[in-house]
N, C-alpha and C. Protein backbone atom coordinates (compact mmCIF):
# COMPACT_ATOMS: atom_id res chain seq x y z
N MET A 1 112.32 19.18 48.74
CA MET A 1 111.56 19.50 49.90
C MET A 1 111.24 18.20 50.60
N ARG A 2 110.96 17.27 49.83
CA ARG A 2 110.61 16.02 50.45
C ARG A 2 111.77 15.41 51.21
N LEU A 3 112.89 15.45 50.54
CA LEU A 3 114.08 14.95 51.10
C LEU A 3 114.40 15.63 52.38
N VAL A 4 114.16 16.92 52.54
CA VAL A 4 114.48 17.62 53.77
C VAL A 4 113.50 17.09 54.86
N ARG A 5 112.27 16.87 54.49
CA ARG A 5 111.34 16.40 55.45
C ARG A 5 111.73 15.02 55.96
N ILE A 6 111.99 14.18 55.06
CA ILE A 6 112.38 12.74 55.39
C ILE A 6 113.65 12.73 56.25
N GLY A 7 114.55 13.60 55.81
CA GLY A 7 115.81 13.71 56.55
C GLY A 7 115.66 14.21 58.00
N SER A 8 114.76 15.19 58.14
CA SER A 8 114.46 15.69 59.48
C SER A 8 113.81 14.70 60.37
N ILE A 9 112.97 13.89 59.84
CA ILE A 9 112.29 12.83 60.61
C ILE A 9 113.23 11.80 61.03
N LEU A 10 114.10 11.43 60.11
CA LEU A 10 115.19 10.42 60.50
C LEU A 10 116.11 10.90 61.42
N GLY A 11 116.42 12.19 61.37
CA GLY A 11 117.37 12.82 62.19
C GLY A 11 116.76 12.92 63.72
N ALA A 12 115.40 13.17 63.80
CA ALA A 12 114.70 13.25 65.12
C ALA A 12 114.77 11.90 65.74
N VAL A 13 114.46 10.85 65.01
CA VAL A 13 114.48 9.47 65.53
C VAL A 13 115.86 9.18 66.04
N ALA A 14 116.94 9.51 65.24
CA ALA A 14 118.21 9.14 65.65
C ALA A 14 118.62 9.98 66.95
N LEU A 15 118.25 11.20 66.99
CA LEU A 15 118.58 12.02 68.18
C LEU A 15 117.83 11.50 69.43
N LEU A 16 116.46 11.12 69.29
CA LEU A 16 115.81 10.59 70.37
C LEU A 16 116.24 9.26 70.92
N SER A 17 116.74 8.38 69.96
CA SER A 17 117.25 7.13 70.34
C SER A 17 118.54 7.22 71.11
N VAL A 18 119.37 8.23 70.71
CA VAL A 18 120.59 8.48 71.48
C VAL A 18 120.34 9.10 72.82
N ALA A 19 119.36 9.95 72.95
CA ALA A 19 119.11 10.66 74.19
C ALA A 19 118.25 9.84 75.13
N ALA A 20 117.38 9.04 74.59
CA ALA A 20 116.41 8.33 75.47
C ALA A 20 117.06 7.03 75.98
N ALA A 21 118.08 6.44 75.36
CA ALA A 21 118.74 5.18 75.81
C ALA A 21 119.28 5.32 77.18
N PRO A 22 120.09 6.37 77.55
CA PRO A 22 120.64 6.48 78.86
C PRO A 22 119.52 6.65 79.92
N ALA A 23 118.39 7.37 79.54
CA ALA A 23 117.28 7.55 80.54
C ALA A 23 116.62 6.20 80.83
N ALA A 24 116.54 5.29 79.84
CA ALA A 24 115.88 3.97 80.11
C ALA A 24 116.73 3.17 80.96
N LEU A 25 118.08 3.18 80.75
CA LEU A 25 119.02 2.43 81.57
C LEU A 25 119.08 3.01 82.92
N ALA A 26 118.68 4.23 83.20
CA ALA A 26 118.81 4.85 84.52
C ALA A 26 117.59 4.49 85.44
N ALA A 27 116.65 3.66 84.97
CA ALA A 27 115.49 3.37 85.82
C ALA A 27 115.89 2.53 86.98
N PRO A 28 115.10 2.50 88.02
CA PRO A 28 115.40 1.72 89.26
C PRO A 28 115.60 0.25 88.94
N LEU A 29 116.38 -0.34 89.83
CA LEU A 29 116.61 -1.92 89.64
C LEU A 29 115.37 -2.76 89.55
N GLY A 30 114.36 -2.37 90.30
CA GLY A 30 113.19 -3.16 90.35
C GLY A 30 112.47 -3.22 88.99
N GLN A 31 112.72 -2.30 88.09
CA GLN A 31 112.10 -2.38 86.74
C GLN A 31 112.95 -3.07 85.70
N HIS A 32 114.25 -3.37 86.06
CA HIS A 32 115.04 -4.15 85.05
C HIS A 32 114.83 -5.61 85.30
N HIS A 33 114.91 -6.35 84.19
CA HIS A 33 114.70 -7.74 84.20
C HIS A 33 115.90 -8.49 83.64
N PHE A 34 117.06 -8.34 84.31
CA PHE A 34 118.23 -9.01 83.82
C PHE A 34 118.23 -10.42 84.31
N GLY A 35 117.96 -11.34 83.39
CA GLY A 35 118.02 -12.76 83.75
C GLY A 35 116.79 -13.20 84.48
N PHE A 36 115.96 -12.36 84.87
CA PHE A 36 114.71 -12.86 85.49
C PHE A 36 113.65 -13.06 84.44
N ARG A 37 112.86 -13.99 84.66
CA ARG A 37 111.88 -14.37 83.69
C ARG A 37 110.54 -13.74 83.96
N ASN A 38 110.02 -12.94 83.02
CA ASN A 38 108.73 -12.23 83.17
C ASN A 38 108.55 -11.43 84.41
N GLY A 39 109.63 -10.91 85.05
CA GLY A 39 109.55 -10.04 86.22
C GLY A 39 109.37 -10.77 87.47
N PHE A 40 109.52 -12.17 87.58
CA PHE A 40 109.39 -12.90 88.75
C PHE A 40 110.76 -13.43 89.21
N ARG A 41 110.97 -13.33 90.56
CA ARG A 41 112.16 -13.82 91.19
C ARG A 41 111.74 -14.61 92.38
N ASP A 42 112.15 -15.89 92.52
CA ASP A 42 111.78 -16.67 93.66
C ASP A 42 110.30 -16.73 94.00
N GLY A 43 109.52 -16.67 92.92
CA GLY A 43 108.05 -16.80 93.13
C GLY A 43 107.37 -15.48 93.44
N PHE A 44 108.13 -14.35 93.62
CA PHE A 44 107.47 -13.12 94.03
C PHE A 44 107.71 -12.12 92.84
N ARG A 45 106.77 -11.27 92.65
CA ARG A 45 106.89 -10.13 91.67
C ARG A 45 107.91 -9.16 92.10
N ILE A 46 108.83 -8.81 91.19
CA ILE A 46 109.92 -7.80 91.53
C ILE A 46 109.20 -6.47 91.65
N GLY A 47 109.53 -5.65 92.65
CA GLY A 47 109.02 -4.39 92.78
C GLY A 47 107.85 -4.35 93.61
N HIS A 48 107.20 -5.43 94.08
CA HIS A 48 106.06 -5.48 94.96
C HIS A 48 106.61 -5.81 96.36
N PRO A 49 106.01 -5.10 97.35
CA PRO A 49 106.53 -5.44 98.71
C PRO A 49 106.02 -6.80 99.14
N VAL A 50 106.89 -7.52 99.88
CA VAL A 50 106.51 -8.79 100.55
C VAL A 50 106.05 -8.55 101.98
N VAL A 51 104.89 -8.89 102.31
CA VAL A 51 104.37 -8.67 103.60
C VAL A 51 104.68 -9.90 104.47
N VAL A 52 105.40 -9.73 105.59
CA VAL A 52 105.70 -10.89 106.54
C VAL A 52 104.91 -10.55 107.87
N PRO A 53 104.00 -11.47 108.16
CA PRO A 53 103.22 -11.18 109.39
C PRO A 53 104.11 -11.47 110.68
N VAL A 54 104.06 -10.50 111.57
CA VAL A 54 104.77 -10.53 112.84
C VAL A 54 103.73 -10.76 114.01
N PRO A 55 103.79 -11.79 114.81
CA PRO A 55 102.97 -11.92 115.79
C PRO A 55 103.10 -10.70 116.88
N ALA A 56 102.00 -10.26 117.18
CA ALA A 56 101.85 -9.18 118.22
C ALA A 56 101.76 -9.71 119.58
N PRO A 57 102.31 -9.25 120.58
CA PRO A 57 102.22 -9.69 121.90
C PRO A 57 100.83 -9.46 122.47
N VAL A 58 100.28 -10.42 123.14
CA VAL A 58 98.92 -10.30 123.73
C VAL A 58 99.04 -10.11 125.24
N PRO A 59 98.53 -9.05 125.76
CA PRO A 59 98.63 -8.86 127.17
C PRO A 59 97.91 -9.88 127.94
N ALA A 60 98.44 -10.27 129.12
CA ALA A 60 97.80 -11.32 129.92
C ALA A 60 96.57 -10.70 130.62
N VAL A 61 95.51 -11.43 130.62
CA VAL A 61 94.23 -11.00 131.26
C VAL A 61 93.88 -12.05 132.37
N ALA A 62 93.60 -11.56 133.62
CA ALA A 62 93.10 -12.44 134.67
C ALA A 62 91.73 -12.81 134.38
N VAL A 63 91.46 -14.15 134.49
CA VAL A 63 90.17 -14.66 134.20
C VAL A 63 89.57 -15.25 135.56
N PRO A 64 88.50 -14.57 136.02
CA PRO A 64 88.00 -15.01 137.40
C PRO A 64 87.37 -16.38 137.29
N VAL A 65 87.76 -17.32 138.20
CA VAL A 65 87.29 -18.65 138.28
C VAL A 65 86.16 -18.72 139.35
N PRO A 66 84.95 -19.23 138.89
CA PRO A 66 83.85 -19.27 139.84
C PRO A 66 84.12 -20.29 140.97
N ALA A 67 83.52 -19.96 142.09
CA ALA A 67 83.73 -20.89 143.31
C ALA A 67 82.92 -22.16 143.10
N PRO A 68 83.44 -23.29 143.57
CA PRO A 68 82.65 -24.50 143.36
C PRO A 68 81.24 -24.42 144.00
N VAL A 69 80.28 -25.02 143.37
CA VAL A 69 78.86 -25.03 143.79
C VAL A 69 78.66 -26.27 144.64
N ALA A 70 77.94 -26.07 145.70
CA ALA A 70 77.62 -27.23 146.60
C ALA A 70 76.65 -28.08 145.92
N ALA A 71 76.82 -29.41 146.15
CA ALA A 71 75.92 -30.49 145.52
C ALA A 71 74.53 -30.25 146.10
N VAL A 72 73.58 -30.33 145.15
CA VAL A 72 72.18 -30.28 145.59
C VAL A 72 71.56 -31.62 145.36
N PRO A 73 70.90 -32.27 146.44
CA PRO A 73 70.31 -33.54 146.22
C PRO A 73 69.05 -33.42 145.28
N VAL A 74 68.99 -34.44 144.39
CA VAL A 74 67.93 -34.60 143.48
C VAL A 74 66.99 -35.67 143.95
N PRO A 75 65.63 -35.39 143.97
CA PRO A 75 64.70 -36.47 144.46
C PRO A 75 64.70 -37.52 143.36
N VAL A 76 64.75 -38.84 143.83
CA VAL A 76 64.64 -39.95 142.87
C VAL A 76 63.35 -40.70 143.19
N ALA A 77 62.61 -40.91 142.08
CA ALA A 77 61.40 -41.67 142.30
C ALA A 77 61.64 -43.17 142.68
N ALA A 78 60.69 -43.63 143.38
CA ALA A 78 60.81 -45.07 143.85
C ALA A 78 60.79 -45.98 142.63
N PRO A 79 61.46 -47.07 142.69
CA PRO A 79 61.37 -48.06 141.58
C PRO A 79 59.99 -48.53 141.30
N VAL A 80 59.70 -48.67 140.06
CA VAL A 80 58.33 -49.24 139.67
C VAL A 80 58.37 -50.73 139.74
N ALA A 81 57.27 -51.16 140.23
CA ALA A 81 57.14 -52.62 140.32
C ALA A 81 57.07 -53.24 138.82
N ALA A 82 57.70 -54.34 138.67
CA ALA A 82 57.76 -55.00 137.39
C ALA A 82 56.48 -55.36 136.93
N VAL A 83 56.09 -55.07 135.73
CA VAL A 83 54.84 -55.48 135.10
C VAL A 83 55.00 -56.78 134.41
N ALA A 84 54.09 -57.65 134.51
CA ALA A 84 54.13 -58.93 133.87
C ALA A 84 53.87 -58.73 132.39
N VAL A 85 54.83 -59.12 131.59
CA VAL A 85 54.61 -58.98 130.16
C VAL A 85 54.21 -60.35 129.61
N PRO A 86 53.15 -60.46 128.86
CA PRO A 86 52.80 -61.78 128.29
C PRO A 86 53.80 -62.35 127.33
N ALA A 87 53.97 -63.64 127.46
CA ALA A 87 54.98 -64.27 126.64
C ALA A 87 54.51 -64.17 125.17
N PRO A 88 55.48 -64.06 124.26
CA PRO A 88 55.09 -63.97 122.84
C PRO A 88 54.42 -65.13 122.44
N VAL A 89 53.45 -64.80 121.53
CA VAL A 89 52.58 -65.90 121.09
C VAL A 89 53.33 -66.64 120.00
N ALA A 90 53.38 -68.03 120.18
CA ALA A 90 54.04 -68.80 119.17
C ALA A 90 53.36 -68.72 117.88
N ALA A 91 54.27 -68.87 116.82
CA ALA A 91 53.58 -68.76 115.48
C ALA A 91 52.66 -70.03 115.29
N VAL A 92 51.55 -69.65 114.67
CA VAL A 92 50.60 -70.67 114.37
C VAL A 92 51.13 -71.54 113.32
N PRO A 93 51.21 -72.82 113.55
CA PRO A 93 51.77 -73.81 112.57
C PRO A 93 50.80 -73.85 111.38
N VAL A 94 51.42 -73.87 110.20
CA VAL A 94 50.61 -73.99 109.00
C VAL A 94 50.33 -75.39 108.72
N PRO A 95 49.05 -75.77 108.52
CA PRO A 95 48.73 -77.22 108.16
C PRO A 95 49.46 -77.73 107.03
N VAL A 96 49.92 -78.97 107.17
CA VAL A 96 50.75 -79.59 106.13
C VAL A 96 49.94 -79.65 104.76
N PRO A 97 48.76 -79.82 104.67
CA PRO A 97 48.03 -79.94 103.40
C PRO A 97 48.19 -78.60 102.67
N VAL A 98 48.21 -77.47 103.47
CA VAL A 98 48.38 -76.21 102.84
C VAL A 98 49.69 -76.10 102.12
N VAL A 99 50.72 -76.41 102.74
CA VAL A 99 52.12 -76.33 102.26
C VAL A 99 52.16 -77.33 100.98
N GLN A 100 51.61 -78.55 101.20
CA GLN A 100 51.70 -79.54 100.07
C GLN A 100 50.84 -79.04 98.85
N ALA A 101 49.93 -78.21 99.06
CA ALA A 101 49.14 -77.77 97.95
C ALA A 101 49.75 -76.54 97.36
N VAL A 102 50.36 -75.68 98.02
CA VAL A 102 50.95 -74.46 97.57
C VAL A 102 52.33 -74.61 96.89
N LEU A 103 53.22 -75.42 97.37
CA LEU A 103 54.54 -75.56 96.84
C LEU A 103 54.59 -76.08 95.40
N PRO A 104 53.79 -77.14 95.06
CA PRO A 104 53.85 -77.66 93.64
C PRO A 104 53.41 -76.55 92.66
N ALA A 105 52.36 -75.82 93.06
CA ALA A 105 51.86 -74.74 92.13
C ALA A 105 52.95 -73.63 91.99
N LEU A 106 53.59 -73.34 93.01
CA LEU A 106 54.66 -72.29 92.95
C LEU A 106 55.79 -72.74 92.11
N GLN A 107 56.26 -74.05 92.32
CA GLN A 107 57.35 -74.49 91.51
C GLN A 107 57.04 -74.66 90.05
N GLN A 108 55.67 -74.81 89.75
CA GLN A 108 55.29 -75.08 88.36
C GLN A 108 55.22 -73.69 87.59
N VAL A 109 54.73 -72.68 88.32
CA VAL A 109 54.56 -71.30 87.70
C VAL A 109 55.95 -70.57 87.78
N PHE A 110 56.75 -70.84 88.79
CA PHE A 110 58.07 -70.19 88.99
C PHE A 110 59.12 -71.36 89.10
N PRO A 111 59.51 -71.97 88.07
CA PRO A 111 60.38 -73.17 88.14
C PRO A 111 61.82 -72.78 88.59
N THR A 112 62.34 -71.56 88.47
CA THR A 112 63.70 -71.24 88.83
C THR A 112 63.86 -70.44 90.15
N ALA A 113 62.62 -70.31 90.81
CA ALA A 113 62.61 -69.51 92.05
C ALA A 113 63.20 -70.25 93.27
N GLY A 114 63.24 -71.44 93.32
CA GLY A 114 63.82 -72.26 94.35
C GLY A 114 62.99 -72.34 95.65
N PHE A 115 61.68 -72.44 95.45
CA PHE A 115 60.82 -72.52 96.60
C PHE A 115 60.91 -73.76 97.40
N ALA A 116 61.54 -74.84 96.82
CA ALA A 116 61.71 -76.10 97.66
C ALA A 116 62.86 -75.81 98.69
N GLN A 117 63.86 -75.04 98.30
CA GLN A 117 64.99 -74.81 99.22
C GLN A 117 64.72 -73.70 100.23
N ASN A 118 63.88 -72.75 99.79
CA ASN A 118 63.59 -71.55 100.53
C ASN A 118 62.05 -71.30 100.42
N PRO A 119 61.19 -72.04 101.18
CA PRO A 119 59.80 -71.96 101.03
C PRO A 119 59.28 -70.61 101.52
N PRO A 120 58.20 -70.19 101.01
CA PRO A 120 57.61 -68.83 101.44
C PRO A 120 57.03 -68.97 102.83
N GLN A 121 56.78 -67.84 103.47
CA GLN A 121 56.26 -67.77 104.77
C GLN A 121 54.73 -67.62 104.68
N PHE A 122 53.97 -68.33 105.53
CA PHE A 122 52.53 -68.41 105.56
C PHE A 122 52.06 -67.57 106.71
N ILE A 123 51.21 -66.63 106.52
CA ILE A 123 50.66 -65.78 107.67
C ILE A 123 49.14 -66.01 107.66
N PRO A 124 48.60 -66.56 108.75
CA PRO A 124 47.16 -66.83 108.86
C PRO A 124 46.38 -65.49 108.82
N LEU A 125 45.32 -65.47 108.01
CA LEU A 125 44.42 -64.30 107.93
C LEU A 125 43.18 -64.54 108.66
N GLN A 126 42.25 -65.30 107.98
CA GLN A 126 40.91 -65.62 108.52
C GLN A 126 40.65 -67.04 108.13
N GLY A 127 40.16 -67.82 109.08
CA GLY A 127 39.72 -69.19 108.78
C GLY A 127 40.83 -69.94 108.13
N ASN A 128 40.71 -70.44 106.90
CA ASN A 128 41.53 -71.22 106.15
C ASN A 128 42.45 -70.38 105.13
N THR A 129 42.32 -69.10 105.17
CA THR A 129 43.03 -68.22 104.31
C THR A 129 44.41 -67.82 104.85
N TYR A 130 45.42 -67.95 104.09
CA TYR A 130 46.80 -67.61 104.46
C TYR A 130 47.45 -66.59 103.44
N ALA A 131 48.13 -65.59 103.92
CA ALA A 131 48.96 -64.77 103.09
C ALA A 131 50.29 -65.47 102.87
N VAL A 132 50.70 -65.44 101.54
CA VAL A 132 51.96 -66.13 101.21
C VAL A 132 52.95 -65.07 100.99
N SER A 133 54.05 -65.03 101.89
CA SER A 133 55.06 -63.97 101.81
C SER A 133 56.36 -64.52 101.31
N SER A 134 56.82 -63.83 100.27
CA SER A 134 58.14 -64.10 99.69
C SER A 134 58.56 -62.90 98.87
N PRO A 135 59.81 -62.50 98.86
CA PRO A 135 60.17 -61.41 98.02
C PRO A 135 59.80 -61.44 96.58
N LEU A 136 59.75 -62.65 96.08
CA LEU A 136 59.32 -62.76 94.64
C LEU A 136 57.83 -62.71 94.47
N LEU A 137 57.07 -62.97 95.48
CA LEU A 137 55.61 -62.96 95.39
C LEU A 137 54.94 -61.68 95.86
N PHE A 138 55.74 -60.77 96.28
CA PHE A 138 55.30 -59.42 96.80
C PHE A 138 55.22 -58.34 95.74
N CYS A 139 54.12 -57.56 95.76
CA CYS A 139 54.02 -56.43 94.91
C CYS A 139 53.75 -55.20 95.63
N GLY A 140 54.30 -54.07 95.19
CA GLY A 140 53.96 -52.74 95.85
C GLY A 140 52.44 -52.48 95.68
N ALA A 141 51.94 -51.52 96.39
CA ALA A 141 50.52 -51.17 96.37
C ALA A 141 50.22 -50.61 95.00
N ASP A 142 51.22 -50.04 94.27
CA ASP A 142 50.89 -49.46 92.90
C ASP A 142 51.02 -50.59 91.85
N GLN A 143 51.41 -51.73 92.19
CA GLN A 143 51.50 -52.88 91.15
C GLN A 143 50.58 -54.03 91.47
N ALA A 144 49.40 -53.70 91.96
CA ALA A 144 48.51 -54.74 92.29
C ALA A 144 48.14 -55.59 91.16
N GLY A 145 48.12 -55.05 89.89
CA GLY A 145 47.83 -55.87 88.72
C GLY A 145 48.74 -57.06 88.50
N THR A 146 50.01 -56.85 88.81
CA THR A 146 51.01 -57.89 88.64
C THR A 146 50.68 -59.04 89.59
N CYS A 147 50.43 -58.78 90.81
CA CYS A 147 50.09 -59.82 91.79
C CYS A 147 48.74 -60.49 91.39
N GLN A 148 47.82 -59.79 90.84
CA GLN A 148 46.56 -60.42 90.45
C GLN A 148 46.81 -61.45 89.22
N LEU A 149 47.67 -60.98 88.34
CA LEU A 149 48.00 -61.88 87.23
C LEU A 149 48.76 -63.21 87.76
N MET A 150 49.61 -63.06 88.75
CA MET A 150 50.29 -64.17 89.38
C MET A 150 49.26 -65.08 90.07
N ALA A 151 48.31 -64.50 90.73
CA ALA A 151 47.24 -65.20 91.41
C ALA A 151 46.35 -66.07 90.45
N GLN A 152 46.18 -65.43 89.24
CA GLN A 152 45.32 -66.17 88.12
C GLN A 152 46.11 -67.28 87.65
N GLN A 153 47.42 -67.12 87.47
CA GLN A 153 48.19 -68.23 86.82
C GLN A 153 48.28 -69.33 87.82
N LEU A 154 48.44 -69.03 89.14
CA LEU A 154 48.57 -70.07 90.12
C LEU A 154 47.20 -70.75 90.40
N ALA A 155 46.08 -70.03 90.12
CA ALA A 155 44.73 -70.60 90.28
C ALA A 155 44.49 -71.57 89.09
N GLN A 156 45.17 -71.40 88.02
CA GLN A 156 44.91 -72.43 86.93
C GLN A 156 45.52 -73.83 87.35
N VAL A 157 46.61 -73.72 88.17
CA VAL A 157 47.22 -74.95 88.65
C VAL A 157 46.52 -75.50 89.79
N THR A 158 46.35 -74.71 90.86
CA THR A 158 45.67 -75.07 92.08
C THR A 158 44.60 -73.97 92.47
N PRO A 159 43.39 -74.36 92.60
CA PRO A 159 42.39 -73.22 92.92
C PRO A 159 42.50 -72.83 94.33
N GLY A 160 42.08 -71.52 94.67
CA GLY A 160 42.12 -71.02 95.93
C GLY A 160 43.12 -69.83 96.03
N TRP A 161 43.72 -69.35 94.95
CA TRP A 161 44.56 -68.22 95.00
C TRP A 161 43.98 -66.94 94.85
N GLY A 162 44.38 -65.91 95.59
CA GLY A 162 43.88 -64.50 95.52
C GLY A 162 44.91 -63.52 95.91
N THR A 163 44.50 -62.29 96.17
CA THR A 163 45.46 -61.22 96.57
C THR A 163 44.78 -60.44 97.75
N THR A 164 45.62 -59.87 98.57
CA THR A 164 45.21 -58.92 99.56
C THR A 164 46.18 -57.78 99.69
N LEU A 165 45.66 -56.53 100.14
CA LEU A 165 46.47 -55.46 100.47
C LEU A 165 46.61 -55.39 101.88
N MET A 166 47.93 -55.42 102.41
CA MET A 166 48.16 -55.51 103.81
C MET A 166 49.64 -55.06 104.14
N ASN A 167 49.89 -54.86 105.40
CA ASN A 167 51.21 -54.53 105.88
C ASN A 167 51.71 -55.91 106.47
N GLY A 168 52.73 -56.38 105.77
CA GLY A 168 53.20 -57.78 106.23
C GLY A 168 54.74 -57.71 106.33
N PRO A 169 55.39 -58.94 106.22
CA PRO A 169 56.81 -58.99 106.43
C PRO A 169 57.61 -58.29 105.36
N GLN A 170 57.10 -58.15 104.18
CA GLN A 170 57.75 -57.46 103.09
C GLN A 170 57.52 -55.94 103.03
N GLY A 171 56.63 -55.53 103.88
CA GLY A 171 56.17 -54.19 103.85
C GLY A 171 54.76 -53.93 103.45
N TYR A 172 54.38 -52.76 103.27
CA TYR A 172 52.87 -52.49 102.80
C TYR A 172 52.84 -52.76 101.35
N GLY A 173 51.89 -53.57 100.98
CA GLY A 173 51.72 -53.90 99.53
C GLY A 173 50.77 -55.03 99.39
N VAL A 174 50.79 -55.56 98.18
CA VAL A 174 49.86 -56.65 97.75
C VAL A 174 50.60 -57.95 97.99
N TYR A 175 49.89 -58.81 98.70
CA TYR A 175 50.41 -60.28 98.95
C TYR A 175 49.53 -61.25 98.30
N LEU A 176 50.03 -62.30 97.84
CA LEU A 176 49.23 -63.50 97.40
C LEU A 176 48.55 -64.16 98.55
N THR A 177 47.35 -64.64 98.30
CA THR A 177 46.75 -65.38 99.43
C THR A 177 46.33 -66.71 98.91
N TYR A 178 46.20 -67.74 99.78
CA TYR A 178 45.78 -69.05 99.46
C TYR A 178 44.72 -69.49 100.44
N GLN A 179 43.61 -69.96 99.89
CA GLN A 179 42.47 -70.44 100.83
C GLN A 179 42.36 -71.96 100.61
N ASN A 180 42.71 -72.70 101.68
CA ASN A 180 42.58 -74.10 101.63
C ASN A 180 41.13 -74.57 101.69
N SER A 181 40.66 -75.45 100.90
CA SER A 181 39.24 -75.80 100.88
C SER A 181 39.04 -77.12 101.69
């Protein structure tokens, strides 16, 4: 009985393989892949339509052109008389004793800064007090403690150093000051 069952199963498989083979070969050509790799030919999938856009003709439309507009005169104000602008105020010269007192102290505290070749700028504040402006000697408003420490070190060499918060050549921040006695 078992042999009959196994024989009938093998017979059914053989019969279906003989009958199904011609049906598989009778499929449309788009489903066959003779020599084409993974169903692609020339970059297109076989069996899918290729859409080619065709430009459609556009009917001509008449566009109305507006007539030229006549020029309208515009009133012009009379020229304003020139206002005398005061001449720029010349920079106040810094007394030589101030420069002679400041440079040695700066060179001693900052030996590699090169203040002899590129001296700092002196800005007069009040009386004998000058703000000393240089990128090396400038501190932001939030770093006032750094400039106060620099002023203390310079005051040990030459008395008269301090700090001030102002808007100067380096921007808004803390500048060292020197008061000549």
